[in-house]
Amino acid sequence: MTQATLRSYDGRVTFCRIHDLVRDLAISEAKQDRFLEVLGSADLITPNKPRRLSITEPTGGMYGSSLSNALNQRSTTNHPRSLLCFSRDIDIERNMWMKKSVYGAMKLLRVLDLRDVRLSSVPSRLLKHIGKLVLLKYLSLRGSNIEKLPSSIGNLQHLQTLDLGYTTHLTQLPMTMMKLQQLRNLLFASTFGGDRFPQDFDCPLDHMTNLQTLGLHEGKWMDRLDKLTNLRALNILSEEGSSFLYKEALLNAIPKLIHLRGFCLAGLGSKEEALVLPASFSDHLELYRMYLDGIVGIRDFPSNITTLRLSFQIGQRIDELMANLKKLPKLRCLVFESAFLGSKIIFSTHGFHQLEELVLSSLDDLEEFMVEEGALPNLRVLRILECSALKRLPCGLKQVVTLQELTLSGMSEELEYKVRKDIGEDWEIIKHIPSIETQSKSSCIFSRNLYLQWC
């Protein structure tokens, strides 16, 4: 009934789907039993008082204003346990039903998801009372334009997840955050895209021993990072161009965080100089996903790693790096992005046997890409993006019979001519590949398998 449409390279299901008839049946049954009601279609006003309420994008010709009017006409809900809002057309400040309900009839709320909702004018009038939702376990303001988080957040003693990712206008968290002893997932950092604003949080976290997912900008909290031994995912960001002040604290903590499954360090170096981090991950047997931005000098990568993304590897010797990477027996996805690895990359026969996806992106110095005989025997996806100095494709690709997808974007004119169907010099090398996409201009093409879920 439910199909997994996409799995991460460590086996986790990241996207799934169901038939539309099954979805309609499930919503109808849930509505009848008052388990869940989905709002957003023409059938908005019902006598039901559901325990769980989901507000979706308006359909059937109903837009933001009409959706708000319909919501304002609703009867009072019967103390719902969950409110999920997936519509950007809802403006809480102008919606009387939600203003009255959030802290009136919703005092038993356990889950509140307001991602991408317009909240810029709300904190002083509405969010300051969020501490009244004392039973709340899950709160997401991801992607909203909230500018300040009220101090009453410290009253949510049962809160387990606080998702503030991509809230680029929110510059700091209140000190009352230290009261959230049950917190398991704290996300206050935006890994990819968007403008970066200073996001400060210098409160000690060593007493939050239940933390499993942590995404924060660098700060004094890192001095006691070694105490958070239950962490499963760690995402640390630094402002681009700033000097990283917590190298020793990070080196001290890494050997103790042996339960990590995802690890991201972004912006710790600079475009001129990478941060040398002589750390060993040989004891991190549960670590499957790593993203290192501006980090070089890693002595040992985790033996069970499946997905590795490296960028701004300034000063890293490519021969040493490839010698370390080819030893990883379970590496299935490898991304080099703006890595400054030199003019030649060689994939040798004796390595990368499990690699399924390879991405070479914005490697301005790359002139030669070689695949030796017998190398990359399981490669399915190859993406070469913005490598303008590359003049031809490796002849070794012809023997990679497992290759299913090839994407070439931002090519040089010379390479663009060589890969033309039937007439190009390199066409014989790639004609066996079922799906070939070529674009001469810059484009954003990224595999969904590279989407890192830190929560």
Protein backbone atom coordinates (compact mmCIF):
# COMPACT_ATOMS: atom_id res chain seq x y z
CA MET A 1 0.00 0.00 0.00
CA THR A 2 2.91 2.33 0.78
CA GLN A 3 5.88 2.38 -1.59
CA ALA A 4 9.36 3.62 -0.80
CA THR A 5 10.29 5.87 -3.73
CA LEU A 6 13.73 6.91 -2.51
CA ARG A 7 16.19 5.51 -0.02
CA SER A 8 19.38 7.04 1.28
CA TYR A 9 22.58 5.16 0.64
CA ASP A 10 22.58 3.84 4.21
CA GLY A 11 19.19 2.20 3.65
CA ARG A 12 16.83 4.77 5.23
CA VAL A 13 13.56 5.53 3.48
CA THR A 14 13.54 9.27 2.70
CA PHE A 15 10.52 9.55 0.39
CA CYS A 16 7.44 7.36 -0.01
CA ARG A 17 4.13 7.47 -1.87
CA ILE A 18 0.64 5.99 -1.85
CA HIS A 19 -2.04 5.76 -4.53
CA ASP A 20 -4.32 8.81 -4.65
CA LEU A 21 -7.39 6.62 -4.07
CA VAL A 22 -5.78 5.11 -0.96
CA ARG A 23 -4.95 8.62 0.25
CA ASP A 24 -8.53 9.81 -0.25
CA LEU A 25 -9.88 6.75 1.54
CA ALA A 26 -7.47 7.24 4.47
CA ILE A 27 -8.43 10.92 4.83
CA SER A 28 -12.13 10.06 4.64
CA GLU A 29 -11.86 7.36 7.32
CA ALA A 30 -9.71 9.58 9.53
CA LYS A 31 -12.22 12.40 9.22
CA GLN A 32 -15.14 10.12 10.06
CA ASP A 33 -13.38 8.84 13.17
CA ARG A 34 -12.27 12.38 14.12
CA PHE A 35 -8.67 11.18 14.01
CA LEU A 36 -7.51 13.74 11.42
CA GLU A 37 -8.97 16.44 9.17
CA VAL A 38 -7.21 17.94 6.15
CA LEU A 39 -8.21 21.50 5.27
CA GLY A 40 -7.47 23.21 1.98
CA SER A 41 -10.13 22.07 -0.45
CA ALA A 42 -13.61 23.44 -1.06
CA ASP A 43 -14.93 21.20 1.73
CA LEU A 44 -13.55 23.27 4.56
CA ILE A 45 -16.32 23.82 7.04
CA THR A 46 -17.45 20.65 8.75
CA PRO A 47 -19.14 19.93 12.07
CA ASN A 48 -16.29 17.61 13.09
CA LYS A 49 -13.94 18.53 15.88
CA PRO A 50 -10.82 16.50 14.97
CA ARG A 51 -7.91 15.73 17.27
CA ARG A 52 -5.40 16.41 14.48
CA LEU A 53 -5.66 19.24 11.96
CA SER A 54 -3.64 19.60 8.75
CA ILE A 55 -3.89 22.80 6.67
CA THR A 56 -2.62 22.31 3.11
CA GLU A 57 -2.23 24.52 0.06
CA PRO A 58 -5.67 25.65 -1.15
CA THR A 59 -7.17 23.75 -4.08
CA GLY A 60 -10.34 23.97 -6.14
CA GLY A 61 -9.96 27.69 -6.79
CA MET A 62 -9.65 28.59 -3.11
CA TYR A 63 -6.83 31.03 -2.38
CA GLY A 64 -5.33 32.57 0.72
CA SER A 65 -8.10 35.06 1.54
CA SER A 66 -10.95 32.61 0.97
CA LEU A 67 -9.14 29.95 2.96
CA SER A 68 -8.70 32.36 5.87
CA ASN A 69 -12.38 33.36 5.69
CA ALA A 70 -13.43 29.74 5.75
CA LEU A 71 -11.20 29.04 8.72
CA ASN A 72 -12.57 32.06 10.55
CA GLN A 73 -16.06 30.55 10.19
CA ARG A 74 -15.05 27.25 11.77
CA SER A 75 -16.54 26.17 15.03
CA THR A 76 -14.20 25.72 17.95
CA THR A 77 -12.03 22.63 17.72
CA ASN A 78 -12.19 19.98 20.39
CA HIS A 79 -8.75 20.43 21.99
CA PRO A 80 -6.70 19.09 19.05
CA ARG A 81 -3.42 17.34 19.74
CA SER A 82 -1.69 18.28 16.45
CA LEU A 83 -1.75 21.29 14.11
CA LEU A 84 0.22 20.96 10.88
CA CYS A 85 0.31 23.90 8.48
CA PHE A 86 1.60 23.29 4.95
CA SER A 87 0.16 26.43 3.38
CA ARG A 88 2.09 29.64 2.86
CA ASP A 89 -1.20 31.43 2.22
CA ILE A 90 -2.12 31.40 5.91
CA ASP A 91 -1.25 34.61 7.74
CA ILE A 92 -1.75 33.85 11.44
CA GLU A 93 -1.79 37.53 12.39
CA ARG A 94 -4.83 38.12 10.15
CA ASN A 95 -6.55 34.83 10.84
CA MET A 96 -8.89 35.26 13.79
CA TRP A 97 -9.68 31.54 14.05
CA MET A 98 -6.05 30.58 14.53
CA LYS A 99 -5.33 33.50 16.87
CA LYS A 100 -8.17 32.47 19.14
CA SER A 101 -7.51 28.76 18.89
CA VAL A 102 -3.75 28.42 19.28
CA TYR A 103 -3.73 29.38 22.96
CA GLY A 104 -7.39 28.84 23.75
CA ALA A 105 -8.75 25.55 22.53
CA MET A 106 -5.27 24.19 21.79
CA LYS A 107 -3.77 23.97 25.24
CA LEU A 108 -3.51 20.19 24.86
CA LEU A 109 -1.43 20.52 21.69
CA ARG A 110 1.50 18.11 21.37
CA VAL A 111 2.60 18.92 17.80
CA LEU A 112 2.74 22.40 16.21
CA ASP A 113 4.23 22.65 12.72
CA LEU A 114 4.23 26.17 11.24
CA ARG A 115 7.00 25.78 8.68
CA ASP A 116 7.14 28.51 5.98
CA VAL A 117 4.25 30.41 7.62
CA ARG A 118 4.47 34.21 7.67
CA LEU A 119 5.37 35.10 11.25
CA SER A 120 7.38 38.33 11.05
CA SER A 121 4.78 40.44 12.88
CA VAL A 122 3.54 37.74 15.20
CA PRO A 123 6.08 37.32 18.08
CA SER A 124 5.15 40.41 20.11
CA ARG A 125 1.43 39.64 20.04
CA LEU A 126 1.07 35.91 19.71
CA LEU A 127 4.23 33.85 20.04
CA LYS A 128 5.13 35.42 23.37
CA HIS A 129 2.42 33.21 24.87
CA ILE A 130 3.75 30.02 23.34
CA GLY A 131 4.86 28.93 26.80
CA LYS A 132 1.20 28.20 27.58
CA LEU A 133 1.36 25.10 25.38
CA VAL A 134 3.01 23.20 28.21
CA LEU A 135 2.33 19.75 26.71
CA LEU A 136 4.04 20.56 23.41
CA LYS A 137 6.56 17.96 22.27
CA TYR A 138 7.24 19.08 18.70
CA LEU A 139 7.60 22.67 17.45
CA SER A 140 8.70 23.58 13.93
CA LEU A 141 9.13 27.14 12.67
CA ARG A 142 11.40 26.01 9.83
CA GLY A 143 11.64 28.44 6.94
CA SER A 144 9.44 31.05 8.59
CA ASN A 145 10.46 34.71 8.76
CA ILE A 146 10.30 34.86 12.53
CA GLU A 147 12.68 37.49 13.96
CA LYS A 148 12.55 36.72 17.68
CA LEU A 149 11.80 33.69 19.80
CA PRO A 150 10.05 34.57 23.08
CA SER A 151 11.62 33.70 26.43
CA SER A 152 8.48 31.75 27.36
CA ILE A 153 9.86 28.94 25.19
CA GLY A 154 11.60 27.81 28.38
CA ASN A 155 8.22 26.77 29.84
CA LEU A 156 7.89 23.89 27.36
CA GLN A 157 9.36 21.30 29.67
CA HIS A 158 8.10 18.39 27.54
CA LEU A 159 9.51 19.72 24.26
CA GLN A 160 11.56 17.11 22.41
CA THR A 161 12.03 18.70 18.98
CA LEU A 162 12.65 22.37 18.16
CA ASP A 163 13.21 22.96 14.44
CA LEU A 164 14.35 26.48 13.57
CA GLY A 165 16.20 25.58 10.36
CA TYR A 166 16.36 28.21 7.61
CA THR A 167 14.94 30.93 9.88
CA THR A 168 17.46 33.39 8.46
CA HIS A 169 15.97 36.42 10.25
CA LEU A 170 16.27 34.81 13.68
CA THR A 171 19.66 35.86 15.04
CA GLN A 172 19.73 34.42 18.55
CA LEU A 173 17.97 32.12 21.00
CA PRO A 174 16.81 33.11 24.49
CA MET A 175 18.76 31.95 27.54
CA THR A 176 15.64 30.19 28.81
CA MET A 177 16.43 27.45 26.27
CA MET A 178 18.63 25.94 28.97
CA LYS A 179 15.49 24.78 30.79
CA LEU A 180 14.51 22.33 28.03
CA GLN A 181 15.89 19.20 29.66
CA GLN A 182 13.89 16.77 27.49
CA LEU A 183 15.08 18.23 24.18
CA ARG A 184 16.26 15.57 21.71
CA ASN A 185 16.45 17.51 18.45
CA LEU A 186 17.62 21.13 18.19
CA LEU A 187 18.10 22.67 14.75
CA PHE A 188 19.15 26.30 14.50
CA ALA A 189 21.39 26.28 11.43
CA SER A 190 20.83 26.40 7.68
CA THR A 191 23.24 24.11 5.86
CA PHE A 192 22.60 24.98 2.23
CA GLY A 193 21.41 28.04 0.36
CA GLY A 194 20.03 31.37 1.45
CA ASP A 195 21.69 34.32 3.12
CA ARG A 196 23.54 33.64 6.33
CA PHE A 197 22.94 35.80 9.34
CA PRO A 198 24.86 35.62 12.63
CA GLN A 199 23.09 33.01 14.71
CA ASP A 200 24.42 33.02 18.25
CA PHE A 201 23.91 30.46 20.96
CA ASP A 202 26.55 30.43 23.66
CA CYS A 203 24.60 28.63 26.38
CA PRO A 204 26.21 25.43 27.72
CA LEU A 205 24.49 22.29 26.51
CA ASP A 206 26.23 19.62 28.55
CA HIS A 207 23.15 19.19 30.77
CA MET A 208 20.99 18.33 27.72
CA THR A 209 22.13 14.73 27.69
CA ASN A 210 19.08 13.57 25.70
CA LEU A 211 20.15 15.49 22.59
CA GLN A 212 20.38 13.26 19.52
CA THR A 213 20.26 15.81 16.69
CA LEU A 214 22.08 19.12 16.95
CA GLY A 215 22.50 21.82 14.31
CA LEU A 216 24.06 25.10 15.48
CA HIS A 217 26.50 27.78 14.47
CA GLU A 218 29.84 27.64 16.24
CA GLY A 219 29.93 29.11 19.74
CA LYS A 220 31.01 28.66 23.34
CA TRP A 221 28.62 25.72 23.64
CA MET A 222 31.29 23.68 21.81
CA ASP A 223 33.58 23.80 24.86
CA ARG A 224 31.42 21.03 26.39
CA LEU A 225 30.50 19.23 23.20
CA ASP A 226 32.27 16.09 24.45
CA LYS A 227 29.52 15.63 27.07
CA LEU A 228 26.80 15.08 24.45
CA THR A 229 27.62 11.42 23.88
CA ASN A 230 24.13 10.47 22.71
CA LEU A 231 24.34 12.59 19.56
CA ARG A 232 23.31 10.84 16.33
CA ALA A 233 23.58 13.83 13.96
CA LEU A 234 25.81 16.89 14.36
CA ASN A 235 25.79 19.95 12.08
CA ILE A 236 28.19 22.81 12.88
CA LEU A 237 28.34 25.97 10.78
CA SER A 238 30.69 28.90 10.82
CA GLU A 239 30.34 32.30 9.18
CA GLU A 240 32.16 32.34 5.87
CA GLY A 241 35.55 33.99 6.20
CA SER A 242 35.62 33.97 10.00
CA SER A 243 38.34 32.20 11.97
CA PHE A 244 37.25 29.00 13.69
CA LEU A 245 38.04 29.28 17.41
CA TYR A 246 36.95 25.87 18.66
CA LYS A 247 39.27 23.48 16.84
CA GLU A 248 40.68 21.93 20.03
CA ALA A 249 37.22 21.50 21.55
CA LEU A 250 36.08 19.74 18.38
CA LEU A 251 39.14 17.48 18.27
CA ASN A 252 38.57 16.60 21.93
CA ALA A 253 34.91 15.76 21.35
CA ILE A 254 35.13 13.68 18.15
CA PRO A 255 36.56 10.50 19.76
CA LYS A 256 33.72 10.51 22.31
CA LEU A 257 30.85 10.97 19.84
CA ILE A 258 30.97 7.38 18.62
CA HIS A 259 27.21 7.10 18.02
CA LEU A 260 27.16 9.72 15.26
CA ARG A 261 25.34 8.72 12.07
CA GLY A 262 25.52 12.07 10.28
CA PHE A 263 28.28 14.68 10.59
CA CYS A 264 28.43 18.07 8.85
CA LEU A 265 31.07 20.77 9.19
CA ALA A 266 30.42 23.76 6.93
CA GLY A 267 32.21 27.08 6.54
CA LEU A 268 34.90 26.30 9.12
CA GLY A 269 37.65 27.06 6.63
CA SER A 270 37.74 29.79 4.01
CA LYS A 271 38.05 30.04 0.24
CA GLU A 272 41.74 30.91 0.70
CA GLU A 273 42.70 28.44 3.42
CA ALA A 274 41.15 25.20 4.65
CA LEU A 275 41.04 24.15 8.29
CA VAL A 276 43.42 21.29 9.06
CA LEU A 277 41.58 18.83 11.31
CA PRO A 278 43.77 15.78 12.04
CA ALA A 279 40.92 13.69 13.41
CA SER A 280 40.36 9.95 13.16
CA PHE A 281 36.91 8.44 12.67
CA SER A 282 38.02 4.81 12.68
CA ASP A 283 35.95 4.05 15.82
CA HIS A 284 32.76 5.65 14.44
CA LEU A 285 31.15 2.47 13.16
CA GLU A 286 27.66 4.01 12.94
CA LEU A 287 28.72 7.09 10.93
CA TYR A 288 27.25 6.83 7.42
CA ARG A 289 27.02 10.42 6.13
CA MET A 290 29.62 13.20 6.16
CA TYR A 291 29.79 16.66 4.65
CA LEU A 292 33.11 18.47 5.10
CA ASP A 293 33.35 22.03 3.82
CA GLY A 294 36.81 23.59 4.04
CA ILE A 295 38.17 20.72 6.15
CA VAL A 296 41.38 18.85 5.28
CA GLY A 297 43.80 16.53 7.08
CA ILE A 298 41.34 13.83 8.20
CA ARG A 299 43.51 10.85 9.15
CA ASP A 300 40.90 8.10 8.92
CA PHE A 301 37.38 8.17 7.50
CA PRO A 302 34.71 5.93 9.08
CA SER A 303 34.84 2.44 7.59
CA ASN A 304 31.05 2.19 7.15
CA ILE A 305 30.52 5.56 5.49
CA THR A 306 28.15 5.47 2.50
CA THR A 307 27.81 9.16 1.53
CA LEU A 308 30.66 11.66 1.50
CA ARG A 309 30.60 15.26 0.26
CA LEU A 310 33.82 17.29 0.20
CA SER A 311 34.19 20.95 -0.74
CA PHE A 312 36.94 23.58 -0.60
CA GLN A 313 39.72 21.04 -0.01
CA ILE A 314 42.39 23.71 -0.41
CA GLY A 315 45.86 22.31 0.26
CA GLN A 316 44.69 18.69 0.19
CA ARG A 317 46.90 16.40 -1.90
CA ILE A 318 44.66 14.54 -4.31
CA ASP A 319 46.80 11.37 -4.35
CA GLU A 320 46.65 11.05 -0.55
CA LEU A 321 42.92 11.76 -0.48
CA MET A 322 42.09 9.22 -3.20
CA ALA A 323 44.29 6.63 -1.51
CA ASN A 324 42.22 7.02 1.67
CA LEU A 325 38.86 7.08 -0.09
CA LYS A 326 39.37 4.02 -2.26
CA LYS A 327 39.84 1.90 0.88
CA LEU A 328 36.30 2.63 2.09
CA PRO A 329 34.41 -0.63 1.41
CA LYS A 330 30.85 0.78 1.64
CA LEU A 331 31.20 4.20 -0.01
CA ARG A 332 28.29 4.52 -2.45
CA CYS A 333 28.01 8.28 -3.08
CA LEU A 334 30.97 10.65 -3.47
CA VAL A 335 30.73 14.39 -4.18
CA PHE A 336 33.64 16.72 -4.95
CA GLU A 337 32.41 20.32 -4.99
CA SER A 338 34.68 23.36 -5.47
CA ALA A 339 37.37 21.15 -4.04
CA PHE A 340 40.54 22.56 -5.72
CA LEU A 341 42.01 19.08 -6.09
CA GLY A 342 44.36 19.78 -8.99
CA SER A 343 44.27 19.12 -12.72
CA LYS A 344 43.92 15.32 -12.67
CA ILE A 345 41.68 12.83 -10.84
CA ILE A 346 42.30 9.11 -11.27
CA PHE A 347 39.92 6.34 -10.24
CA SER A 348 42.14 3.29 -10.03
CA THR A 349 41.28 -0.36 -10.56
CA HIS A 350 41.72 -1.33 -6.93
CA GLY A 351 39.11 0.84 -5.27
CA PHE A 352 35.62 2.36 -5.23
CA HIS A 353 34.01 -1.02 -5.93
CA GLN A 354 30.68 -0.06 -4.30
CA LEU A 355 30.45 3.51 -5.59
CA GLU A 356 27.08 4.13 -7.25
CA GLU A 357 26.96 7.91 -7.61
CA LEU A 358 29.80 10.31 -8.42
CA VAL A 359 29.41 14.09 -8.62
CA LEU A 360 32.18 16.43 -9.80
CA SER A 361 30.95 20.00 -9.37
CA SER A 362 32.70 23.35 -9.92
CA LEU A 363 36.20 21.85 -10.16
CA ASP A 364 37.73 24.78 -12.04
CA ASP A 365 41.21 23.23 -12.20
CA LEU A 366 40.14 19.79 -13.41
CA GLU A 367 41.58 19.11 -16.87
CA GLU A 368 41.82 15.32 -16.89
CA PHE A 369 39.47 12.71 -15.44
CA MET A 370 40.68 9.11 -15.73
CA VAL A 371 38.90 5.80 -15.09
CA GLU A 372 41.24 2.82 -15.18
CA GLU A 373 40.21 -0.58 -16.48
CA GLY A 374 37.98 -2.39 -13.98
CA ALA A 375 37.35 0.75 -11.91
CA LEU A 376 33.89 1.90 -10.77
CA PRO A 377 32.19 -1.45 -11.55
CA ASN A 378 28.89 -0.45 -9.85
CA LEU A 379 28.62 3.21 -10.90
CA ARG A 380 25.02 4.12 -11.86
CA VAL A 381 25.00 7.95 -11.80
CA LEU A 382 27.71 10.36 -12.97
CA ARG A 383 27.25 14.14 -12.83
CA ILE A 384 29.91 16.55 -14.12
CA LEU A 385 28.82 20.11 -13.39
CA GLU A 386 30.65 23.38 -14.05
CA CYS A 387 34.03 21.75 -14.79
CA SER A 388 34.88 24.19 -17.58
CA ALA A 389 38.54 23.15 -17.94
CA LEU A 390 37.66 19.52 -18.71
CA LYS A 391 38.18 18.93 -22.43
CA ARG A 392 37.14 15.29 -22.81
CA LEU A 393 35.57 12.35 -21.00
CA PRO A 394 37.59 9.36 -19.78
CA CYS A 395 37.75 6.42 -22.21
CA GLY A 396 37.26 4.13 -19.23
CA LEU A 397 33.58 5.08 -19.05
CA LYS A 398 32.95 2.83 -22.04
CA GLN A 399 33.57 -0.24 -19.88
CA VAL A 400 31.29 0.95 -17.03
CA VAL A 401 28.24 -0.97 -18.26
CA THR A 402 26.28 -0.28 -15.06
CA LEU A 403 26.10 3.47 -15.78
CA GLN A 404 22.45 4.56 -16.15
CA GLU A 405 22.55 8.36 -15.86
CA LEU A 406 25.05 10.91 -17.14
CA THR A 407 24.61 14.65 -16.58
CA LEU A 408 26.94 17.21 -18.16
CA SER A 409 26.29 20.84 -17.32
CA GLY A 410 28.31 24.01 -17.79
CA MET A 411 30.72 22.29 -20.19
CA SER A 412 33.44 23.87 -22.28
CA GLU A 413 32.57 24.35 -25.95
CA GLU A 414 35.16 21.73 -26.85
CA LEU A 415 33.61 19.06 -24.65
CA GLU A 416 30.12 20.05 -25.75
CA TYR A 417 31.08 19.34 -29.35
CA LYS A 418 32.78 16.04 -28.50
CA VAL A 419 29.70 14.55 -26.83
CA ARG A 420 27.28 15.34 -29.68
CA LYS A 421 25.16 12.34 -30.60
CA ASP A 422 26.62 10.16 -33.40
CA ILE A 423 29.14 12.78 -34.58
CA GLY A 424 31.10 13.69 -31.45
CA GLU A 425 34.52 12.20 -30.78
CA ASP A 426 33.48 11.03 -27.30
CA TRP A 427 30.03 9.78 -28.29
CA GLU A 428 31.33 6.20 -28.59
CA ILE A 429 32.37 6.38 -24.95
CA ILE A 430 28.91 7.23 -23.62
CA LYS A 431 26.38 5.94 -26.18
CA HIS A 432 25.60 2.86 -24.05
CA ILE A 433 24.21 5.06 -21.23
CA PRO A 434 20.36 5.05 -21.24
CA SER A 435 19.89 8.59 -19.88
CA ILE A 436 22.20 11.40 -21.01
CA GLU A 437 21.49 15.04 -20.21
CA THR A 438 23.76 17.78 -21.54
CA GLN A 439 23.51 21.52 -20.93
CA SER A 440 26.08 24.08 -21.98
CA LYS A 441 24.86 26.77 -19.59
CA SER A 442 25.03 26.83 -15.83
CA SER A 443 22.23 24.94 -14.12
CA CYS A 444 21.42 23.59 -10.71
CA ILE A 445 21.26 19.82 -11.01
CA PHE A 446 21.57 17.89 -7.80
CA SER A 447 20.61 14.37 -6.86
CA ARG A 448 17.87 13.96 -4.27
CA ASN A 449 20.05 11.27 -2.70
CA LEU A 450 22.40 14.04 -1.61
CA TYR A 451 19.69 15.62 0.51
CA LEU A 452 20.96 15.22 4.07
CA GLN A 453 18.26 14.87 6.69
CA TRP A 454 19.67 15.98 9.99
CA CYS A 455 16.42 15.56 11.89
